[in-house]
Protein backbone atom coordinates (compact mmCIF):
# COMPACT_ATOMS: atom_id res chain seq x y z
CA MET A 1 4.33 16.38 -1.48
CA CYS A 2 2.20 13.27 -1.77
CA LEU A 3 3.33 9.74 -1.07
CA ALA A 4 1.72 6.52 -2.30
CA VAL A 5 2.33 3.66 0.14
CA PRO A 6 2.51 -0.09 -0.55
CA VAL A 7 0.00 -2.08 1.53
CA CYS A 8 -1.01 -5.73 1.89
CA VAL A 9 -4.65 -6.83 1.62
CA THR A 10 -5.82 -8.56 4.80
CA GLU A 11 -9.54 -8.65 4.06
CA VAL A 12 -11.69 -8.07 0.99
CA LEU A 13 -14.86 -6.19 1.94
CA GLU A 14 -18.12 -5.44 0.15
CA ASP A 15 -18.68 -2.43 -2.09
CA ASP A 16 -15.18 -2.37 -3.63
CA MET A 17 -13.41 -1.90 -0.30
CA ALA A 18 -10.51 -3.74 1.36
CA LYS A 19 -8.81 -3.75 4.74
CA VAL A 20 -5.05 -3.43 4.33
CA ARG A 21 -1.93 -3.45 6.50
CA VAL A 22 0.61 -0.69 6.01
CA GLY A 23 4.19 -1.99 5.92
CA GLU A 24 5.21 -4.44 8.63
CA GLY A 25 3.51 -2.57 11.46
CA GLU A 26 0.11 -2.71 13.09
CA THR A 27 -1.44 0.12 11.09
CA TYR A 28 -4.54 -0.93 9.16
CA LEU A 29 -6.63 1.11 6.74
CA THR A 30 -9.84 0.58 4.84
CA VAL A 31 -9.35 1.60 1.22
CA SER A 32 -11.39 1.72 -1.96
CA THR A 33 -10.51 -0.75 -4.71
CA MET A 34 -12.92 0.72 -7.25
CA LEU A 35 -10.08 1.99 -9.48
CA LEU A 36 -8.55 -1.47 -9.92
CA GLU A 37 -9.21 -3.48 -13.07
CA ASN A 38 -9.76 -6.68 -11.05
CA PRO A 39 -10.72 -7.14 -7.39
CA PRO A 40 -7.73 -7.83 -5.11
CA GLU A 41 -7.22 -11.03 -3.17
CA ILE A 42 -6.02 -11.50 0.40
CA GLY A 43 -2.23 -11.29 0.38
CA ASP A 44 -2.05 -9.01 -2.67
CA TYR A 45 0.10 -5.92 -2.41
CA MET A 46 -1.26 -2.65 -3.72
CA ILE A 47 -0.10 0.91 -4.01
CA VAL A 48 -2.52 3.24 -2.20
CA HIS A 49 -2.87 7.00 -2.31
CA ALA A 50 -5.55 9.13 -0.63
CA GLY A 51 -7.61 6.08 0.31
CA PHE A 52 -7.70 4.56 -3.20
CA ALA A 53 -5.80 1.50 -4.41
CA LEU A 54 -4.13 2.56 -7.65
CA ARG A 55 -2.67 -0.76 -8.78
CA VAL A 56 -1.64 -4.22 -7.62
CA LEU A 57 2.11 -4.73 -7.07
CA GLU A 58 4.25 -7.82 -7.29
CA GLU A 59 5.39 -8.88 -3.81
CA LYS A 60 9.04 -8.22 -4.72
CA GLU A 61 8.26 -4.70 -5.94
CA ALA A 62 6.29 -3.93 -2.77
CA GLY A 63 9.12 -5.24 -0.58
CA GLU A 64 11.70 -3.11 -2.37
CA ALA A 65 9.54 0.01 -2.05
CA LEU A 66 8.92 -0.60 1.65
CA ALA A 67 12.62 -1.19 2.28
CA LEU A 68 13.50 2.11 0.59
CA LEU A 69 10.86 4.01 2.58
CA LYS A 70 12.13 2.45 5.81
CA GLU A 71 15.74 3.36 4.94
CA VAL A 72 14.82 6.98 4.27
CA ALA A 73 12.74 7.20 7.47
CA GLN A 74 15.55 5.77 9.60
CA SER A 75 18.23 7.98 8.04
CA GLY A 76 16.63 11.21 9.22
CA ARG A 77 17.51 12.77 5.87
CA VAL A 78 15.20 15.14 4.06
CA VAL A 79 14.62 14.02 0.49
CA GLU A 80 13.82 16.69 -2.06
CA PHE A 81 12.56 16.09 -5.58
């Protein structure tokens, strides 16, 4: 199963790349933004999968997705689709 994770842009880099923070923690990734229609800005939320930003999210949408992921992780339940 694959999971796309909401991230927040902390730095816009050269060559269609960005440094992003995953969730509320201290995990940072460098991801490609080449698939986005417009370059992201610092503070934008994006959905990322396999190192590629797929689309920009509204802050509310990103917060809801992160809250759901956190709830599932803390519950210890196995979610099947």
